[in-house]
Amino acid sequence: MSDCTYKESFKVAGGQLLDAVKKLVHEGNVRRIIIKQEGRTVAEFPLTVGVVGAVFAPVLAAAGALAAVLTECTIEVERVVSDDKSNVA
């Protein structure tokens, strides 16, 4: 079994930032979230697979604070996809 990582990015308005980060955190296959404004990294949150609950509270609090000051930003997401071919019957 091997894991592949890939990145994707999308733009959001500041008011949508917190909801977008919450959704990404709950997806579970996200390794890292990077928030950029005008090409500069504003915040970077490494996420550990399998960690849930109160550990994400600081990430969400920081995203909420950034949403208050950013008008538009780009979210880069690094995802992990398991490339497990052993499950083929």
PDB file of N, CA and C in Angstrom:
ATOM      1  N   MET A   1       0.848  -1.186   0.000  1.00  0.00           N
ATOM      2  CA  MET A   1       0.000   0.000   0.000  1.00  0.00           C
ATOM      3  C   MET A   1       0.886   1.239   0.000  1.00  0.00           C
ATOM      4  N   SER A   2       0.603   2.157  -0.894  1.00  0.00           N
ATOM      5  CA  SER A   2       1.340   3.406  -0.926  1.00  0.00           C
ATOM      6  C   SER A   2       0.359   4.565  -0.944  1.00  0.00           C
ATOM      7  N   ASP A   3       0.831   5.705  -0.521  1.00  0.00           N
ATOM      8  CA  ASP A   3      -0.009   6.895  -0.481  1.00  0.00           C
ATOM      9  C   ASP A   3       0.488   7.900  -1.500  1.00  0.00           C
ATOM     10  N   CYS A   4      -0.444   8.544  -2.183  1.00  0.00           N
ATOM     11  CA  CYS A   4      -0.123   9.625  -3.111  1.00  0.00           C
ATOM     12  C   CYS A   4      -0.616  10.925  -2.504  1.00  0.00           C
ATOM     13  N   THR A   5       0.126  11.980  -2.725  1.00  0.00           N
ATOM     14  CA  THR A   5      -0.338  13.290  -2.289  1.00  0.00           C
ATOM     15  C   THR A   5      -0.528  14.156  -3.518  1.00  0.00           C
ATOM     16  N   TYR A   6      -1.512  15.003  -3.462  1.00  0.00           N
ATOM     17  CA  TYR A   6      -1.709  15.964  -4.529  1.00  0.00           C
ATOM     18  C   TYR A   6      -2.240  17.251  -3.933  1.00  0.00           C
ATOM     19  N   LYS A   7      -2.062  18.331  -4.689  1.00  0.00           N
ATOM     20  CA  LYS A   7      -2.489  19.645  -4.210  1.00  0.00           C
ATOM     21  C   LYS A   7      -3.586  20.179  -5.107  1.00  0.00           C
ATOM     22  N   GLU A   8      -4.464  20.931  -4.499  1.00  0.00           N
ATOM     23  CA  GLU A   8      -5.484  21.662  -5.235  1.00  0.00           C
ATOM     24  C   GLU A   8      -5.627  23.018  -4.565  1.00  0.00           C
ATOM     25  N   SER A   9      -6.130  23.979  -5.301  1.00  0.00           N
ATOM     26  CA  SER A   9      -6.329  25.299  -4.710  1.00  0.00           C
ATOM     27  C   SER A   9      -7.608  25.909  -5.250  1.00  0.00           C
ATOM     28  N   PHE A  10      -8.193  26.766  -4.439  1.00  0.00           N
ATOM     29  CA  PHE A  10      -9.403  27.471  -4.845  1.00  0.00           C
ATOM     30  C   PHE A  10      -9.492  28.779  -4.090  1.00  0.00           C
ATOM     31  N   LYS A  11     -10.173  29.745  -4.694  1.00  0.00           N
ATOM     32  CA  LYS A  11     -10.332  31.066  -4.084  1.00  0.00           C
ATOM     33  C   LYS A  11     -11.632  31.126  -3.307  1.00  0.00           C
ATOM     34  N   VAL A  12     -11.572  31.821  -2.178  1.00  0.00           N
ATOM     35  CA  VAL A  12     -12.769  32.045  -1.369  1.00  0.00           C
ATOM     36  C   VAL A  12     -12.771  33.484  -0.871  1.00  0.00           C
ATOM     37  N   ALA A  13     -13.953  33.985  -0.616  1.00  0.00           N
ATOM     38  CA  ALA A  13     -14.081  35.294   0.024  1.00  0.00           C
ATOM     39  C   ALA A  13     -13.791  35.110   1.510  1.00  0.00           C
ATOM     40  N   GLY A  14     -13.363  36.165   2.165  1.00  0.00           N
ATOM     41  CA  GLY A  14     -13.025  36.092   3.582  1.00  0.00           C
ATOM     42  C   GLY A  14     -14.138  35.510   4.431  1.00  0.00           C
ATOM     43  N   GLY A  15     -15.375  35.862   4.122  1.00  0.00           N
ATOM     44  CA  GLY A  15     -16.514  35.359   4.885  1.00  0.00           C
ATOM     45  C   GLY A  15     -16.767  33.869   4.718  1.00  0.00           C
ATOM     46  N   GLN A  16     -16.214  33.279   3.665  1.00  0.00           N
ATOM     47  CA  GLN A  16     -16.398  31.852   3.416  1.00  0.00           C
ATOM     48  C   GLN A  16     -15.229  31.011   3.914  1.00  0.00           C
ATOM     49  N   LEU A  17     -14.187  31.673   4.385  1.00  0.00           N
ATOM     50  CA  LEU A  17     -12.956  30.982   4.771  1.00  0.00           C
ATOM     51  C   LEU A  17     -13.173  29.968   5.884  1.00  0.00           C
ATOM     52  N   LEU A  18     -13.831  30.361   6.951  1.00  0.00           N
ATOM     53  CA  LEU A  18     -14.014  29.468   8.086  1.00  0.00           C
ATOM     54  C   LEU A  18     -14.816  28.233   7.691  1.00  0.00           C
ATOM     55  N   ASP A  19     -15.899  28.421   6.941  1.00  0.00           N
ATOM     56  CA  ASP A  19     -16.706  27.272   6.506  1.00  0.00           C
ATOM     57  C   ASP A  19     -15.900  26.337   5.615  1.00  0.00           C
ATOM     58  N   ALA A  20     -15.084  26.910   4.734  1.00  0.00           N
ATOM     59  CA  ALA A  20     -14.260  26.089   3.843  1.00  0.00           C
ATOM     60  C   ALA A  20     -13.243  25.271   4.639  1.00  0.00           C
ATOM     61  N   VAL A  21     -12.604  25.888   5.621  1.00  0.00           N
ATOM     62  CA  VAL A  21     -11.612  25.180   6.440  1.00  0.00           C
ATOM     63  C   VAL A  21     -12.290  24.089   7.265  1.00  0.00           C
ATOM     64  N   LYS A  22     -13.455  24.383   7.835  1.00  0.00           N
ATOM     65  CA  LYS A  22     -14.194  23.363   8.600  1.00  0.00           C
ATOM     66  C   LYS A  22     -14.497  22.151   7.723  1.00  0.00           C
ATOM     67  N   LYS A  23     -14.961  22.406   6.517  1.00  0.00           N
ATOM     68  CA  LYS A  23     -15.298  21.318   5.602  1.00  0.00           C
ATOM     69  C   LYS A  23     -14.064  20.479   5.285  1.00  0.00           C
ATOM     70  N   LEU A  24     -12.946  21.139   5.023  1.00  0.00           N
ATOM     71  CA  LEU A  24     -11.709  20.426   4.705  1.00  0.00           C
ATOM     72  C   LEU A  24     -11.220  19.583   5.872  1.00  0.00           C
ATOM     73  N   VAL A  25     -11.298  20.134   7.075  1.00  0.00           N
ATOM     74  CA  VAL A  25     -10.858  19.405   8.268  1.00  0.00           C
ATOM     75  C   VAL A  25     -11.669  18.126   8.450  1.00  0.00           C
ATOM     76  N   HIS A  26     -12.966  18.207   8.187  1.00  0.00           N
ATOM     77  CA  HIS A  26     -13.837  17.049   8.387  1.00  0.00           C
ATOM     78  C   HIS A  26     -13.731  16.012   7.274  1.00  0.00           C
ATOM     79  N   GLU A  27     -13.124  16.360   6.146  1.00  0.00           N
ATOM     80  CA  GLU A  27     -12.979  15.396   5.051  1.00  0.00           C
ATOM     81  C   GLU A  27     -12.025  14.268   5.410  1.00  0.00           C
ATOM     82  N   GLY A  28     -11.039  14.549   6.234  1.00  0.00           N
ATOM     83  CA  GLY A  28     -10.184  13.494   6.743  1.00  0.00           C
ATOM     84  C   GLY A  28      -8.962  13.144   5.917  1.00  0.00           C
ATOM     85  N   ASN A  29      -8.933  13.415   4.621  1.00  0.00           N
ATOM     86  CA  ASN A  29      -7.768  13.052   3.814  1.00  0.00           C
ATOM     87  C   ASN A  29      -6.871  14.249   3.529  1.00  0.00           C
ATOM     88  N   VAL A  30      -7.054  15.315   4.295  1.00  0.00           N
ATOM     89  CA  VAL A  30      -6.271  16.533   4.105  1.00  0.00           C
ATOM     90  C   VAL A  30      -5.044  16.491   5.007  1.00  0.00           C
ATOM     91  N   ARG A  31      -3.877  16.659   4.419  1.00  0.00           N
ATOM     92  CA  ARG A  31      -2.634  16.649   5.189  1.00  0.00           C
ATOM     93  C   ARG A  31      -2.222  18.053   5.610  1.00  0.00           C
ATOM     94  N   ARG A  32      -2.509  19.065   4.755  1.00  0.00           N
ATOM     95  CA  ARG A  32      -2.063  20.420   5.044  1.00  0.00           C
ATOM     96  C   ARG A  32      -3.002  21.406   4.374  1.00  0.00           C
ATOM     97  N   ILE A  33      -3.276  22.511   5.063  1.00  0.00           N
ATOM     98  CA  ILE A  33      -4.060  23.604   4.510  1.00  0.00           C
ATOM     99  C   ILE A  33      -3.183  24.851   4.547  1.00  0.00           C
ATOM    100  N   ILE A  34      -3.058  25.510   3.406  1.00  0.00           N
ATOM    101  CA  ILE A  34      -2.259  26.731   3.310  1.00  0.00           C
ATOM    102  C   ILE A  34      -3.186  27.843   2.834  1.00  0.00           C
ATOM    103  N   ILE A  35      -3.216  28.939   3.577  1.00  0.00           N
ATOM    104  CA  ILE A  35      -4.046  30.084   3.212  1.00  0.00           C
ATOM    105  C   ILE A  35      -3.125  31.177   2.685  1.00  0.00           C
ATOM    106  N   LYS A  36      -3.419  31.635   1.464  1.00  0.00           N
ATOM    107  CA  LYS A  36      -2.581  32.646   0.819  1.00  0.00           C
ATOM    108  C   LYS A  36      -3.427  33.848   0.438  1.00  0.00           C
ATOM    109  N   GLN A  37      -2.772  34.994   0.436  1.00  0.00           N
ATOM    110  CA  GLN A  37      -3.403  36.210  -0.069  1.00  0.00           C
ATOM    111  C   GLN A  37      -2.405  36.878  -0.992  1.00  0.00           C
ATOM    112  N   GLU A  38      -2.837  37.106  -2.225  1.00  0.00           N
ATOM    113  CA  GLU A  38      -1.990  37.728  -3.244  1.00  0.00           C
ATOM    114  C   GLU A  38      -0.652  37.010  -3.386  1.00  0.00           C
ATOM    115  N   GLY A  39      -0.688  35.680  -3.363  1.00  0.00           N
ATOM    116  CA  GLY A  39       0.521  34.882  -3.566  1.00  0.00           C
ATOM    117  C   GLY A  39       1.386  34.669  -2.346  1.00  0.00           C
ATOM    118  N   ARG A  40       1.108  35.373  -1.244  1.00  0.00           N
ATOM    119  CA  ARG A  40       1.904  35.208  -0.017  1.00  0.00           C
ATOM    120  C   ARG A  40       1.194  34.258   0.938  1.00  0.00           C
ATOM    121  N   THR A  41       1.947  33.391   1.570  1.00  0.00           N
ATOM    122  CA  THR A  41       1.371  32.491   2.569  1.00  0.00           C
ATOM    123  C   THR A  41       1.059  33.291   3.825  1.00  0.00           C
ATOM    124  N   VAL A  42      -0.213  33.251   4.235  1.00  0.00           N
ATOM    125  CA  VAL A  42      -0.667  33.958   5.429  1.00  0.00           C
ATOM    126  C   VAL A  42      -0.690  33.002   6.617  1.00  0.00           C
ATOM    127  N   ALA A  43      -1.098  31.758   6.367  1.00  0.00           N
ATOM    128  CA  ALA A  43      -1.142  30.750   7.430  1.00  0.00           C
ATOM    129  C   ALA A  43      -1.004  29.371   6.812  1.00  0.00           C
ATOM    130  N   GLU A  44      -0.427  28.458   7.586  1.00  0.00           N
ATOM    131  CA  GLU A  44      -0.264  27.081   7.140  1.00  0.00           C
ATOM    132  C   GLU A  44      -0.600  26.174   8.313  1.00  0.00           C
ATOM    133  N   PHE A  45      -1.495  25.217   8.060  1.00  0.00           N
ATOM    134  CA  PHE A  45      -1.946  24.314   9.115  1.00  0.00           C
ATOM    135  C   PHE A  45      -1.678  22.870   8.704  1.00  0.00           C
ATOM    136  N   PRO A  46      -0.695  22.218   9.330  1.00  0.00           N
ATOM    137  CA  PRO A  46      -0.519  20.793   9.079  1.00  0.00           C
ATOM    138  C   PRO A  46      -1.580  20.020   9.859  1.00  0.00           C
ATOM    139  N   LEU A  47      -2.196  19.049   9.221  1.00  0.00           N
ATOM    140  CA  LEU A  47      -3.227  18.253   9.882  1.00  0.00           C
ATOM    141  C   LEU A  47      -2.768  16.806   9.924  1.00  0.00           C
ATOM    142  N   THR A  48      -2.877  16.204  11.079  1.00  0.00           N
ATOM    143  CA  THR A  48      -2.492  14.815  11.246  1.00  0.00           C
ATOM    144  C   THR A  48      -3.704  13.935  11.043  1.00  0.00           C
ATOM    145  N   VAL A  49      -3.570  12.926  10.199  1.00  0.00           N
ATOM    146  CA  VAL A  49      -4.671  12.008   9.947  1.00  0.00           C
ATOM    147  C   VAL A  49      -4.994  11.258  11.230  1.00  0.00           C
ATOM    148  N   GLY A  50      -6.259  11.179  11.568  1.00  0.00           N
ATOM    149  CA  GLY A  50      -6.693  10.457  12.746  1.00  0.00           C
ATOM    150  C   GLY A  50      -6.870  11.317  13.986  1.00  0.00           C
ATOM    151  N   VAL A  51      -6.447  12.559  13.933  1.00  0.00           N
ATOM    152  CA  VAL A  51      -6.616  13.452  15.074  1.00  0.00           C
ATOM    153  C   VAL A  51      -7.936  14.189  14.903  1.00  0.00           C
ATOM    154  N   VAL A  52      -8.753  14.152  15.940  1.00  0.00           N
ATOM    155  CA  VAL A  52     -10.069  14.776  15.832  1.00  0.00           C
ATOM    156  C   VAL A  52     -10.355  15.637  17.056  1.00  0.00           C
ATOM    157  N   GLY A  53     -11.496  16.288  17.024  1.00  0.00           N
ATOM    158  CA  GLY A  53     -12.024  16.980  18.196  1.00  0.00           C
ATOM    159  C   GLY A  53     -11.330  18.274  18.533  1.00  0.00           C
ATOM    160  N   ALA A  54     -10.987  18.423  19.800  1.00  0.00           N
ATOM    161  CA  ALA A  54     -10.479  19.682  20.333  1.00  0.00           C
ATOM    162  C   ALA A  54      -9.150  20.099  19.719  1.00  0.00           C
ATOM    163  N   VAL A  55      -8.422  19.162  19.117  1.00  0.00           N
ATOM    164  CA  VAL A  55      -7.139  19.497  18.505  1.00  0.00           C
ATOM    165  C   VAL A  55      -7.330  20.464  17.339  1.00  0.00           C
ATOM    166  N   PHE A  56      -8.478  20.402  16.661  1.00  0.00           N
ATOM    167  CA  PHE A  56      -8.740  21.283  15.534  1.00  0.00           C
ATOM    168  C   PHE A  56      -9.250  22.654  15.957  1.00  0.00           C
ATOM    169  N   ALA A  57      -9.607  22.833  17.214  1.00  0.00           N
ATOM    170  CA  ALA A  57     -10.137  24.115  17.685  1.00  0.00           C
ATOM    171  C   ALA A  57      -9.183  25.284  17.411  1.00  0.00           C
ATOM    172  N   PRO A  58      -7.872  25.155  17.669  1.00  0.00           N
ATOM    173  CA  PRO A  58      -6.972  26.274  17.361  1.00  0.00           C
ATOM    174  C   PRO A  58      -6.909  26.593  15.864  1.00  0.00           C
ATOM    175  N   VAL A  59      -6.992  25.575  15.023  1.00  0.00           N
ATOM    176  CA  VAL A  59      -6.980  25.787  13.574  1.00  0.00           C
ATOM    177  C   VAL A  59      -8.206  26.582  13.161  1.00  0.00           C
ATOM    178  N   LEU A  60      -9.361  26.191  13.684  1.00  0.00           N
ATOM    179  CA  LEU A  60     -10.600  26.881  13.334  1.00  0.00           C
ATOM    180  C   LEU A  60     -10.632  28.294  13.909  1.00  0.00           C
ATOM    181  N   ALA A  61     -10.084  28.484  15.102  1.00  0.00           N
ATOM    182  CA  ALA A  61     -10.029  29.827  15.686  1.00  0.00           C
ATOM    183  C   ALA A  61      -9.138  30.737  14.846  1.00  0.00           C
ATOM    184  N   ALA A  62      -8.005  30.214  14.398  1.00  0.00           N
ATOM    185  CA  ALA A  62      -7.102  31.008  13.561  1.00  0.00           C
ATOM    186  C   ALA A  62      -7.753  31.332  12.222  1.00  0.00           C
ATOM    187  N   ALA A  63      -8.446  30.374  11.632  1.00  0.00           N
ATOM    188  CA  ALA A  63      -9.133  30.611  10.363  1.00  0.00           C
ATOM    189  C   ALA A  63     -10.222  31.665  10.537  1.00  0.00           C
ATOM    190  N   GLY A  64     -10.917  31.627  11.659  1.00  0.00           N
ATOM    191  CA  GLY A  64     -11.944  32.628  11.933  1.00  0.00           C
ATOM    192  C   GLY A  64     -11.353  34.024  12.070  1.00  0.00           C
ATOM    193  N   ALA A  65     -10.199  34.125  12.725  1.00  0.00           N
ATOM    194  CA  ALA A  65      -9.536  35.423  12.868  1.00  0.00           C
ATOM    195  C   ALA A  65      -9.055  35.943  11.514  1.00  0.00           C
ATOM    196  N   LEU A  66      -8.534  35.052  10.682  1.00  0.00           N
ATOM    197  CA  LEU A  66      -8.090  35.458   9.347  1.00  0.00           C
ATOM    198  C   LEU A  66      -9.273  35.906   8.488  1.00  0.00           C
ATOM    199  N   ALA A  67     -10.395  35.223   8.631  1.00  0.00           N
ATOM    200  CA  ALA A  67     -11.585  35.566   7.850  1.00  0.00           C
ATOM    201  C   ALA A  67     -12.038  36.988   8.145  1.00  0.00           C
ATOM    202  N   ALA A  68     -11.790  37.446   9.362  1.00  0.00           N
ATOM    203  CA  ALA A  68     -12.207  38.797   9.747  1.00  0.00           C
ATOM    204  C   ALA A  68     -11.378  39.876   9.054  1.00  0.00           C
ATOM    205  N   VAL A  69     -10.162  39.556   8.654  1.00  0.00           N
ATOM    206  CA  VAL A  69      -9.295  40.574   8.057  1.00  0.00           C
ATOM    207  C   VAL A  69      -9.022  40.380   6.565  1.00  0.00           C
ATOM    208  N   LEU A  70      -9.272  39.198   6.037  1.00  0.00           N
ATOM    209  CA  LEU A  70      -9.012  38.946   4.620  1.00  0.00           C
ATOM    210  C   LEU A  70     -10.282  39.143   3.804  1.00  0.00           C
ATOM    211  N   THR A  71     -10.160  39.811   2.683  1.00  0.00           N
ATOM    212  CA  THR A  71     -11.326  39.979   1.814  1.00  0.00           C
ATOM    213  C   THR A  71     -11.436  38.838   0.816  1.00  0.00           C
ATOM    214  N   GLU A  72     -10.300  38.413   0.285  1.00  0.00           N
ATOM    215  CA  GLU A  72     -10.278  37.286  -0.636  1.00  0.00           C
ATOM    216  C   GLU A  72      -8.961  36.565  -0.448  1.00  0.00           C
ATOM    217  N   CYS A  73      -9.000  35.250  -0.490  1.00  0.00           N
ATOM    218  CA  CYS A  73      -7.774  34.490  -0.318  1.00  0.00           C
ATOM    219  C   CYS A  73      -7.852  33.207  -1.127  1.00  0.00           C
ATOM    220  N   THR A  74      -6.729  32.537  -1.214  1.00  0.00           N
ATOM    221  CA  THR A  74      -6.652  31.254  -1.892  1.00  0.00           C
ATOM    222  C   THR A  74      -6.327  30.200  -0.843  1.00  0.00           C
ATOM    223  N   ILE A  75      -7.032  29.092  -0.910  1.00  0.00           N
ATOM    224  CA  ILE A  75      -6.746  27.968  -0.020  1.00  0.00           C
ATOM    225  C   ILE A  75      -6.079  26.890  -0.856  1.00  0.00           C
ATOM    226  N   GLU A  76      -4.877  26.488  -0.446  1.00  0.00           N
ATOM    227  CA  GLU A  76      -4.200  25.358  -1.064  1.00  0.00           C
ATOM    228  C   GLU A  76      -4.366  24.173  -0.132  1.00  0.00           C
ATOM    229  N   VAL A  77      -4.728  23.048  -0.698  1.00  0.00           N
ATOM    230  CA  VAL A  77      -4.988  21.849   0.092  1.00  0.00           C
ATOM    231  C   VAL A  77      -4.075  20.740  -0.392  1.00  0.00           C
ATOM    232  N   GLU A  78      -3.343  20.138   0.532  1.00  0.00           N
ATOM    233  CA  GLU A  78      -2.539  18.957   0.211  1.00  0.00           C
ATOM    234  C   GLU A  78      -3.300  17.747   0.732  1.00  0.00           C
ATOM    235  N   ARG A  79      -3.661  16.864  -0.174  1.00  0.00           N
ATOM    236  CA  ARG A  79      -4.461  15.685   0.192  1.00  0.00           C
ATOM    237  C   ARG A  79      -3.633  14.418   0.069  1.00  0.00           C
ATOM    238  N   VAL A  80      -4.038  13.423   0.824  1.00  0.00           N
ATOM    239  CA  VAL A  80      -3.422  12.106   0.769  1.00  0.00           C
ATOM    240  C   VAL A  80      -4.461  11.134   0.245  1.00  0.00           C
ATOM    241  N   VAL A  81      -4.079  10.398  -0.777  1.00  0.00           N
ATOM    242  CA  VAL A  81      -4.969   9.387  -1.335  1.00  0.00           C
ATOM    243  C   VAL A  81      -4.239   8.056  -1.267  1.00  0.00           C
ATOM    244  N   SER A  82      -4.877   7.094  -0.654  1.00  0.00           N
ATOM    245  CA  SER A  82      -4.280   5.773  -0.546  1.00  0.00           C
ATOM    246  C   SER A  82      -4.372   5.082  -1.891  1.00  0.00           C
ATOM    247  N   ASP A  83      -3.260   4.569  -2.349  1.00  0.00           N
ATOM    248  CA  ASP A  83      -3.205   3.857  -3.624  1.00  0.00           C
ATOM    249  C   ASP A  83      -3.096   2.366  -3.328  1.00  0.00           C
ATOM    250  N   ASP A  84      -4.124   1.841  -2.667  1.00  0.00           N
ATOM    251  CA  ASP A  84      -4.121   0.455  -2.185  1.00  0.00           C
ATOM    252  C   ASP A  84      -4.768  -0.448  -3.229  1.00  0.00           C
ATOM    253  N   LYS A  85      -3.939  -1.191  -3.943  1.00  0.00           N
ATOM    254  CA  LYS A  85      -4.463  -2.102  -4.962  1.00  0.00           C
ATOM    255  C   LYS A  85      -4.660  -3.501  -4.392  1.00  0.00           C
ATOM    256  N   SER A  86      -4.326  -3.709  -3.118  1.00  0.00           N
ATOM    257  CA  SER A  86      -4.480  -5.032  -2.511  1.00  0.00           C
ATOM    258  C   SER A  86      -5.920  -5.363  -2.178  1.00  0.00           C
ATOM    259  N   ASN A  87      -6.822  -4.378  -2.247  1.00  0.00           N
ATOM    260  CA  ASN A  87      -8.227  -4.620  -1.956  1.00  0.00           C
ATOM    261  C   ASN A  87      -8.994  -5.143  -3.159  1.00  0.00           C
ATOM    262  N   VAL A  88      -8.316  -5.310  -4.286  1.00  0.00           N
ATOM    263  CA  VAL A  88      -8.979  -5.805  -5.484  1.00  0.00           C
ATOM    264  C   VAL A  88      -9.232  -7.294  -5.334  1.00  0.00           C
ATOM    265  N   ALA A  89     -10.464  -7.712  -5.557  1.00  0.00           N
ATOM    266  CA  ALA A  89     -10.815  -9.131  -5.365  1.00  0.00           C
ATOM    267  C   ALA A  89     -10.519  -9.947  -6.599  1.00  0.00           C
TER     268      ALA A  89
END
